[in-house]
């Protein structure tokens, strides 16, 4: 996701970096499946990066991770690398706003724990969810 080359493996150019910045302004840093902010091996000593909802066993088709892949998969490293690239190319391919969500795909939000609707259950809360007896 955040390699310092193009998707075809070519060296990054100013034009390519600018296109990424234009078409990829937002990154989903956390959702129901896990987080993509940081990995303990990349953020040593950071108490907020210690084994927190990691998916580092494989990619979407469960192909095992290869050595060197993790350093190009987490947002904190991308933000740092983007600043370095910007010094050289005058464009930052990894300049992102961040979003986080439940991944329910229904647009609902619920502040009450008993009204929470994760994607692993029914797509919408039950009609009685959120009703409380006093």
N, C-alpha and C. Protein backbone atom coordinates (compact mmCIF):
# COMPACT_ATOMS: atom_id res chain seq x y z
N UNK A 1 0.81 -1.20 0.00
CA UNK A 1 0.00 0.00 0.00
C UNK A 1 0.85 1.26 0.00
N UNK A 2 1.91 1.26 0.78
CA UNK A 2 2.71 2.48 0.93
C UNK A 2 4.15 2.31 0.48
N UNK A 3 4.37 1.50 -0.53
CA UNK A 3 5.72 1.31 -1.04
C UNK A 3 6.24 2.61 -1.63
N UNK A 4 7.55 2.77 -1.65
CA UNK A 4 8.16 3.98 -2.18
C UNK A 4 8.44 3.86 -3.67
N UNK A 5 7.66 3.02 -4.34
CA UNK A 5 7.71 2.86 -5.80
C UNK A 5 6.28 2.90 -6.32
N UNK A 6 6.13 2.93 -7.64
CA UNK A 6 4.79 2.86 -8.21
C UNK A 6 4.26 1.44 -8.03
N UNK A 7 3.00 1.21 -8.34
CA UNK A 7 2.42 -0.13 -8.22
C UNK A 7 3.08 -1.11 -9.18
N UNK A 8 3.70 -0.59 -10.25
CA UNK A 8 4.42 -1.44 -11.20
C UNK A 8 5.88 -1.64 -10.81
N UNK A 9 6.28 -1.07 -9.66
CA UNK A 9 7.65 -1.24 -9.19
C UNK A 9 8.63 -0.22 -9.73
N UNK A 10 8.15 0.78 -10.47
CA UNK A 10 9.01 1.82 -11.03
C UNK A 10 9.35 2.86 -9.95
N UNK A 11 10.44 3.59 -10.13
CA UNK A 11 10.76 4.66 -9.17
C UNK A 11 9.65 5.70 -9.12
N UNK A 12 9.41 6.23 -7.95
CA UNK A 12 8.35 7.23 -7.78
C UNK A 12 8.77 8.56 -8.43
N UNK A 13 7.85 9.17 -9.15
CA UNK A 13 8.09 10.47 -9.77
C UNK A 13 7.23 11.52 -9.08
N UNK A 14 7.53 12.78 -9.32
CA UNK A 14 6.74 13.86 -8.75
C UNK A 14 5.29 13.77 -9.23
N UNK A 15 5.11 13.46 -10.50
CA UNK A 15 3.77 13.36 -11.08
C UNK A 15 2.97 12.22 -10.42
N UNK A 16 3.62 11.10 -10.23
CA UNK A 16 2.95 9.95 -9.63
C UNK A 16 2.58 10.24 -8.18
N UNK A 17 3.51 10.86 -7.44
CA UNK A 17 3.25 11.22 -6.05
C UNK A 17 2.08 12.21 -5.97
N UNK A 18 2.04 13.17 -6.87
CA UNK A 18 0.96 14.16 -6.88
C UNK A 18 -0.39 13.50 -7.20
N UNK A 19 -0.39 12.53 -8.09
CA UNK A 19 -1.63 11.81 -8.41
C UNK A 19 -2.14 11.02 -7.21
N UNK A 20 -1.25 10.38 -6.49
CA UNK A 20 -1.68 9.66 -5.28
C UNK A 20 -2.26 10.64 -4.27
N UNK A 21 -1.60 11.78 -4.12
CA UNK A 21 -2.10 12.77 -3.16
C UNK A 21 -3.48 13.27 -3.59
N UNK A 22 -3.68 13.44 -4.87
CA UNK A 22 -4.97 13.94 -5.37
C UNK A 22 -6.09 12.91 -5.21
N UNK A 23 -5.83 11.66 -5.58
CA UNK A 23 -6.88 10.65 -5.64
C UNK A 23 -7.00 9.80 -4.38
N UNK A 24 -6.08 9.93 -3.45
CA UNK A 24 -6.13 9.17 -2.20
C UNK A 24 -6.00 10.11 -1.00
N UNK A 25 -7.00 10.96 -0.78
CA UNK A 25 -6.89 11.94 0.31
C UNK A 25 -7.25 11.39 1.69
N UNK A 26 -7.83 10.22 1.75
CA UNK A 26 -8.34 9.69 3.01
C UNK A 26 -7.94 8.24 3.17
N UNK A 27 -7.60 7.84 4.39
CA UNK A 27 -7.22 6.46 4.66
C UNK A 27 -8.02 5.95 5.85
N UNK A 28 -8.60 4.76 5.71
CA UNK A 28 -9.34 4.14 6.81
C UNK A 28 -8.34 3.43 7.71
N UNK A 29 -8.06 4.03 8.85
CA UNK A 29 -6.99 3.55 9.71
C UNK A 29 -7.45 2.42 10.65
N UNK A 30 -8.75 2.33 10.91
CA UNK A 30 -9.25 1.25 11.75
C UNK A 30 -10.67 0.91 11.35
N UNK A 31 -11.01 -0.36 11.45
CA UNK A 31 -12.36 -0.84 11.22
C UNK A 31 -12.52 -2.15 11.98
N UNK A 32 -13.63 -2.79 11.77
CA UNK A 32 -13.96 -4.02 12.50
C UNK A 32 -12.87 -5.09 12.36
N UNK A 33 -12.22 -5.13 11.22
CA UNK A 33 -11.24 -6.19 10.94
C UNK A 33 -9.88 -5.93 11.58
N UNK A 34 -9.61 -4.72 12.02
CA UNK A 34 -8.33 -4.41 12.63
C UNK A 34 -7.85 -3.01 12.30
N UNK A 35 -6.59 -2.74 12.65
CA UNK A 35 -6.05 -1.40 12.46
C UNK A 35 -4.86 -1.42 11.52
N UNK A 36 -4.63 -0.30 10.86
CA UNK A 36 -3.50 -0.15 9.93
C UNK A 36 -2.66 1.06 10.30
N UNK A 37 -2.72 1.46 11.57
CA UNK A 37 -1.95 2.63 11.98
C UNK A 37 -0.50 2.30 12.25
N UNK A 38 -0.25 1.29 13.05
CA UNK A 38 1.12 1.00 13.43
C UNK A 38 1.29 -0.47 13.78
N UNK A 39 2.51 -0.91 13.73
CA UNK A 39 2.87 -2.29 14.08
C UNK A 39 3.95 -2.21 15.15
N UNK A 40 3.91 -3.10 16.15
CA UNK A 40 4.92 -3.05 17.21
C UNK A 40 6.36 -3.07 16.70
N UNK A 41 6.62 -3.78 15.63
CA UNK A 41 7.99 -3.85 15.11
C UNK A 41 8.43 -2.52 14.49
N UNK A 42 7.48 -1.67 14.14
CA UNK A 42 7.80 -0.37 13.54
C UNK A 42 7.76 0.76 14.55
N UNK A 43 7.10 0.56 15.67
CA UNK A 43 6.92 1.61 16.68
C UNK A 43 7.36 1.10 18.05
N UNK A 44 8.60 0.71 18.13
CA UNK A 44 9.12 0.17 19.38
C UNK A 44 8.99 1.20 20.50
N UNK A 45 8.53 0.73 21.65
CA UNK A 45 8.37 1.61 22.80
C UNK A 45 7.08 2.39 22.82
N UNK A 46 6.26 2.29 21.80
CA UNK A 46 4.98 3.01 21.77
C UNK A 46 3.90 2.12 22.38
N UNK A 47 3.40 2.49 23.53
CA UNK A 47 2.42 1.65 24.22
C UNK A 47 1.11 1.49 23.43
N UNK A 48 0.83 2.39 22.50
CA UNK A 48 -0.39 2.29 21.72
C UNK A 48 -0.23 1.44 20.47
N UNK A 49 0.96 0.92 20.23
CA UNK A 49 1.21 0.11 19.04
C UNK A 49 1.47 -1.35 19.37
N UNK A 50 1.22 -1.77 20.58
CA UNK A 50 1.56 -3.12 21.02
C UNK A 50 0.41 -4.09 20.72
N UNK A 51 0.57 -4.88 19.69
CA UNK A 51 -0.37 -5.95 19.35
C UNK A 51 -1.83 -5.52 19.41
N UNK A 52 -2.13 -4.36 18.92
CA UNK A 52 -3.49 -3.86 18.94
C UNK A 52 -4.21 -4.20 17.64
N UNK A 53 -5.06 -5.21 17.68
CA UNK A 53 -5.92 -5.57 16.54
C UNK A 53 -5.12 -5.68 15.24
N UNK A 54 -4.05 -6.45 15.26
CA UNK A 54 -3.20 -6.60 14.08
C UNK A 54 -3.72 -7.68 13.14
N UNK A 55 -3.56 -7.44 11.86
CA UNK A 55 -3.80 -8.46 10.85
C UNK A 55 -2.50 -8.56 10.07
N UNK A 56 -1.56 -9.32 10.58
CA UNK A 56 -0.28 -9.42 9.88
C UNK A 56 0.07 -10.86 9.52
N UNK A 57 -0.97 -11.69 9.40
CA UNK A 57 -0.75 -13.10 9.04
C UNK A 57 -0.69 -13.31 7.53
N UNK A 58 -1.36 -12.46 6.79
CA UNK A 58 -1.39 -12.61 5.34
C UNK A 58 -2.20 -11.51 4.71
N UNK A 59 -2.26 -11.51 3.38
CA UNK A 59 -3.06 -10.51 2.69
C UNK A 59 -4.50 -11.01 2.57
N UNK A 60 -5.29 -10.38 1.72
CA UNK A 60 -6.72 -10.73 1.62
C UNK A 60 -6.98 -12.17 1.20
N UNK A 61 -6.06 -12.75 0.45
CA UNK A 61 -6.23 -14.16 0.06
C UNK A 61 -5.38 -15.07 0.93
N UNK A 62 -4.95 -14.53 2.06
CA UNK A 62 -4.18 -15.25 3.09
C UNK A 62 -2.83 -15.75 2.61
N UNK A 63 -2.26 -15.08 1.61
CA UNK A 63 -0.89 -15.38 1.22
C UNK A 63 0.02 -14.86 2.33
N UNK A 64 0.89 -15.69 2.88
CA UNK A 64 1.73 -15.24 4.00
C UNK A 64 2.55 -14.00 3.67
N UNK A 65 2.78 -13.18 4.68
CA UNK A 65 3.59 -11.98 4.50
C UNK A 65 5.02 -12.37 4.18
N UNK A 66 5.62 -11.60 3.33
CA UNK A 66 7.02 -11.79 2.95
C UNK A 66 7.88 -10.80 3.76
N UNK A 67 9.16 -11.10 3.98
CA UNK A 67 10.02 -10.17 4.69
C UNK A 67 10.02 -8.80 4.02
N UNK A 68 9.96 -7.77 4.82
CA UNK A 68 9.98 -6.40 4.31
C UNK A 68 8.62 -5.82 3.98
N UNK A 69 7.56 -6.63 3.98
CA UNK A 69 6.24 -6.12 3.61
C UNK A 69 5.65 -5.19 4.68
N UNK A 70 5.83 -5.52 5.95
CA UNK A 70 5.17 -4.79 7.03
C UNK A 70 5.55 -3.31 7.02
N UNK A 71 6.78 -2.99 6.70
CA UNK A 71 7.21 -1.59 6.73
C UNK A 71 6.46 -0.71 5.73
N UNK A 72 5.78 -1.31 4.76
CA UNK A 72 5.03 -0.53 3.76
C UNK A 72 3.52 -0.74 3.89
N UNK A 73 3.07 -1.17 5.06
CA UNK A 73 1.65 -1.47 5.23
C UNK A 73 0.96 -0.66 6.33
N UNK A 74 1.69 0.12 7.07
CA UNK A 74 1.11 0.84 8.20
C UNK A 74 1.26 2.35 8.02
N UNK A 75 0.21 3.07 8.41
CA UNK A 75 0.09 4.49 8.12
C UNK A 75 1.16 5.35 8.76
N UNK A 76 1.55 5.08 9.99
CA UNK A 76 2.56 5.94 10.63
C UNK A 76 3.84 5.99 9.82
N UNK A 77 4.29 4.83 9.34
CA UNK A 77 5.50 4.81 8.52
C UNK A 77 5.28 5.55 7.22
N UNK A 78 4.09 5.41 6.65
CA UNK A 78 3.79 6.11 5.39
C UNK A 78 3.81 7.62 5.59
N UNK A 79 3.26 8.09 6.70
CA UNK A 79 3.27 9.54 6.95
C UNK A 79 4.70 10.06 7.05
N UNK A 80 5.56 9.31 7.75
CA UNK A 80 6.98 9.70 7.87
C UNK A 80 7.66 9.66 6.50
N UNK A 81 7.44 8.58 5.76
CA UNK A 81 8.07 8.45 4.44
C UNK A 81 7.57 9.51 3.48
N UNK A 82 6.30 9.87 3.59
CA UNK A 82 5.74 10.91 2.73
C UNK A 82 6.43 12.24 2.92
N UNK A 83 6.77 12.57 4.16
CA UNK A 83 7.49 13.82 4.42
C UNK A 83 8.89 13.79 3.80
N UNK A 84 9.54 12.63 3.85
CA UNK A 84 10.86 12.50 3.22
C UNK A 84 10.76 12.62 1.70
N UNK A 85 9.77 11.96 1.11
CA UNK A 85 9.57 12.03 -0.35
C UNK A 85 9.27 13.46 -0.77
N UNK A 86 8.48 14.16 0.02
CA UNK A 86 8.11 15.54 -0.31
C UNK A 86 9.34 16.45 -0.38
N UNK A 87 10.34 16.20 0.45
CA UNK A 87 11.57 16.99 0.39
C UNK A 87 12.29 16.81 -0.94
N UNK A 88 12.25 15.59 -1.47
CA UNK A 88 12.94 15.31 -2.73
C UNK A 88 12.12 15.64 -3.97
N UNK A 89 10.84 15.26 -3.95
CA UNK A 89 10.01 15.38 -5.16
C UNK A 89 9.07 16.59 -5.16
N UNK A 90 8.95 17.26 -4.03
CA UNK A 90 8.03 18.40 -3.88
C UNK A 90 6.57 17.96 -4.01
N UNK A 91 6.29 16.70 -3.68
CA UNK A 91 4.92 16.16 -3.64
C UNK A 91 4.92 15.02 -2.62
N UNK A 92 3.87 14.93 -1.85
CA UNK A 92 3.77 13.92 -0.80
C UNK A 92 2.69 12.91 -1.18
N UNK A 93 3.09 11.69 -1.55
CA UNK A 93 2.09 10.69 -1.97
C UNK A 93 1.30 10.12 -0.80
N UNK A 94 1.75 10.34 0.42
CA UNK A 94 1.11 9.74 1.60
C UNK A 94 0.60 10.81 2.57
N UNK A 95 -0.02 11.83 2.03
CA UNK A 95 -0.61 12.89 2.85
C UNK A 95 -2.09 12.57 2.99
N UNK A 96 -2.48 12.08 4.17
CA UNK A 96 -3.82 11.54 4.35
C UNK A 96 -4.58 12.19 5.49
N UNK A 97 -5.88 12.28 5.31
CA UNK A 97 -6.79 12.43 6.43
C UNK A 97 -7.11 11.01 6.88
N UNK A 98 -7.62 10.87 8.08
CA UNK A 98 -7.88 9.53 8.60
C UNK A 98 -9.35 9.35 8.93
N UNK A 99 -9.83 8.14 8.72
CA UNK A 99 -11.19 7.76 9.07
C UNK A 99 -11.13 6.46 9.85
N UNK A 100 -12.13 6.24 10.68
CA UNK A 100 -12.23 5.00 11.44
C UNK A 100 -13.70 4.63 11.50
N UNK A 101 -14.01 3.35 11.49
CA UNK A 101 -15.41 2.96 11.50
C UNK A 101 -15.62 1.55 11.99
N UNK A 102 -16.90 1.20 12.06
CA UNK A 102 -17.27 -0.13 12.51
C UNK A 102 -17.34 -1.12 11.38
N UNK A 103 -17.41 -0.62 10.14
CA UNK A 103 -17.48 -1.46 8.96
C UNK A 103 -18.84 -2.16 8.83
N UNK A 104 -19.89 -1.57 9.35
CA UNK A 104 -21.21 -2.19 9.25
C UNK A 104 -21.84 -2.01 7.88
N UNK A 105 -21.41 -1.02 7.13
CA UNK A 105 -21.92 -0.74 5.78
C UNK A 105 -23.39 -0.29 5.79
N UNK A 106 -23.92 0.10 6.95
CA UNK A 106 -25.31 0.56 6.96
C UNK A 106 -25.43 2.02 7.36
N UNK A 107 -24.34 2.67 7.71
CA UNK A 107 -24.35 4.08 8.03
C UNK A 107 -24.89 4.41 9.40
N UNK A 108 -25.23 3.42 10.20
CA UNK A 108 -25.78 3.68 11.52
C UNK A 108 -24.67 3.84 12.55
N UNK A 109 -24.91 4.68 13.52
CA UNK A 109 -24.02 4.79 14.66
C UNK A 109 -24.84 4.63 15.92
N UNK A 110 -24.24 4.11 16.94
CA UNK A 110 -24.94 3.92 18.21
C UNK A 110 -23.97 4.18 19.34
N UNK A 111 -24.36 5.02 20.27
CA UNK A 111 -23.50 5.33 21.40
C UNK A 111 -23.66 4.31 22.52
N UNK A 112 -24.79 3.61 22.54
CA UNK A 112 -25.05 2.65 23.61
C UNK A 112 -24.46 1.30 23.26
N UNK A 113 -23.79 0.68 24.21
CA UNK A 113 -23.18 -0.62 23.96
C UNK A 113 -24.21 -1.68 23.59
N UNK A 114 -25.40 -1.63 24.19
CA UNK A 114 -26.41 -2.65 23.89
C UNK A 114 -27.11 -2.40 22.55
N UNK A 115 -26.75 -1.34 21.85
CA UNK A 115 -27.33 -1.04 20.54
C UNK A 115 -26.26 -1.14 19.45
N UNK A 116 -25.10 -1.67 19.78
CA UNK A 116 -24.00 -1.78 18.83
C UNK A 116 -24.32 -2.85 17.79
N UNK A 117 -24.02 -2.56 16.53
CA UNK A 117 -24.32 -3.49 15.45
C UNK A 117 -23.06 -3.78 14.64
N UNK A 118 -22.24 -4.75 15.07
CA UNK A 118 -21.03 -5.06 14.31
C UNK A 118 -21.35 -5.76 13.00
N UNK A 119 -20.39 -5.79 12.10
CA UNK A 119 -20.63 -6.41 10.79
C UNK A 119 -20.73 -7.93 10.87
N UNK A 120 -20.32 -8.52 11.98
CA UNK A 120 -20.38 -9.98 12.08
C UNK A 120 -21.75 -10.48 12.53
N UNK A 121 -22.65 -9.57 12.85
CA UNK A 121 -24.01 -9.96 13.21
C UNK A 121 -24.98 -9.41 12.18
N UNK A 122 -26.25 -9.32 12.55
CA UNK A 122 -27.27 -8.78 11.64
C UNK A 122 -26.84 -7.39 11.16
N UNK A 123 -27.20 -7.02 9.92
CA UNK A 123 -26.74 -5.75 9.39
C UNK A 123 -27.34 -4.53 10.08
N UNK A 124 -28.40 -4.67 10.83
CA UNK A 124 -29.01 -3.54 11.52
C UNK A 124 -29.37 -3.96 12.94
N UNK A 125 -29.45 -2.99 13.86
CA UNK A 125 -29.83 -3.34 15.21
C UNK A 125 -31.25 -3.90 15.28
N UNK A 126 -31.50 -4.73 16.27
CA UNK A 126 -32.84 -5.28 16.48
C UNK A 126 -33.78 -4.16 16.90
N UNK A 127 -35.10 -4.30 16.60
CA UNK A 127 -36.05 -3.26 16.98
C UNK A 127 -36.06 -2.95 18.48
N UNK A 128 -35.69 -3.92 19.30
CA UNK A 128 -35.71 -3.70 20.74
C UNK A 128 -34.36 -3.26 21.28
N UNK A 129 -33.34 -3.18 20.44
CA UNK A 129 -32.02 -2.77 20.90
C UNK A 129 -32.08 -1.34 21.41
N UNK A 130 -31.41 -1.10 22.48
CA UNK A 130 -31.36 0.24 23.02
C UNK A 130 -32.47 0.56 24.01
N UNK A 131 -33.47 -0.30 24.11
CA UNK A 131 -34.53 -0.05 25.10
C UNK A 131 -34.04 -0.54 26.45
N UNK A 132 -34.28 0.24 27.44
CA UNK A 132 -33.76 -0.09 28.76
C UNK A 132 -34.92 -0.13 29.75
N UNK A 133 -34.78 -1.02 30.69
CA UNK A 133 -35.75 -1.05 31.79
C UNK A 133 -35.12 -0.36 32.98
N UNK A 134 -35.93 0.37 33.67
CA UNK A 134 -35.39 1.13 34.82
C UNK A 134 -35.90 0.55 36.10
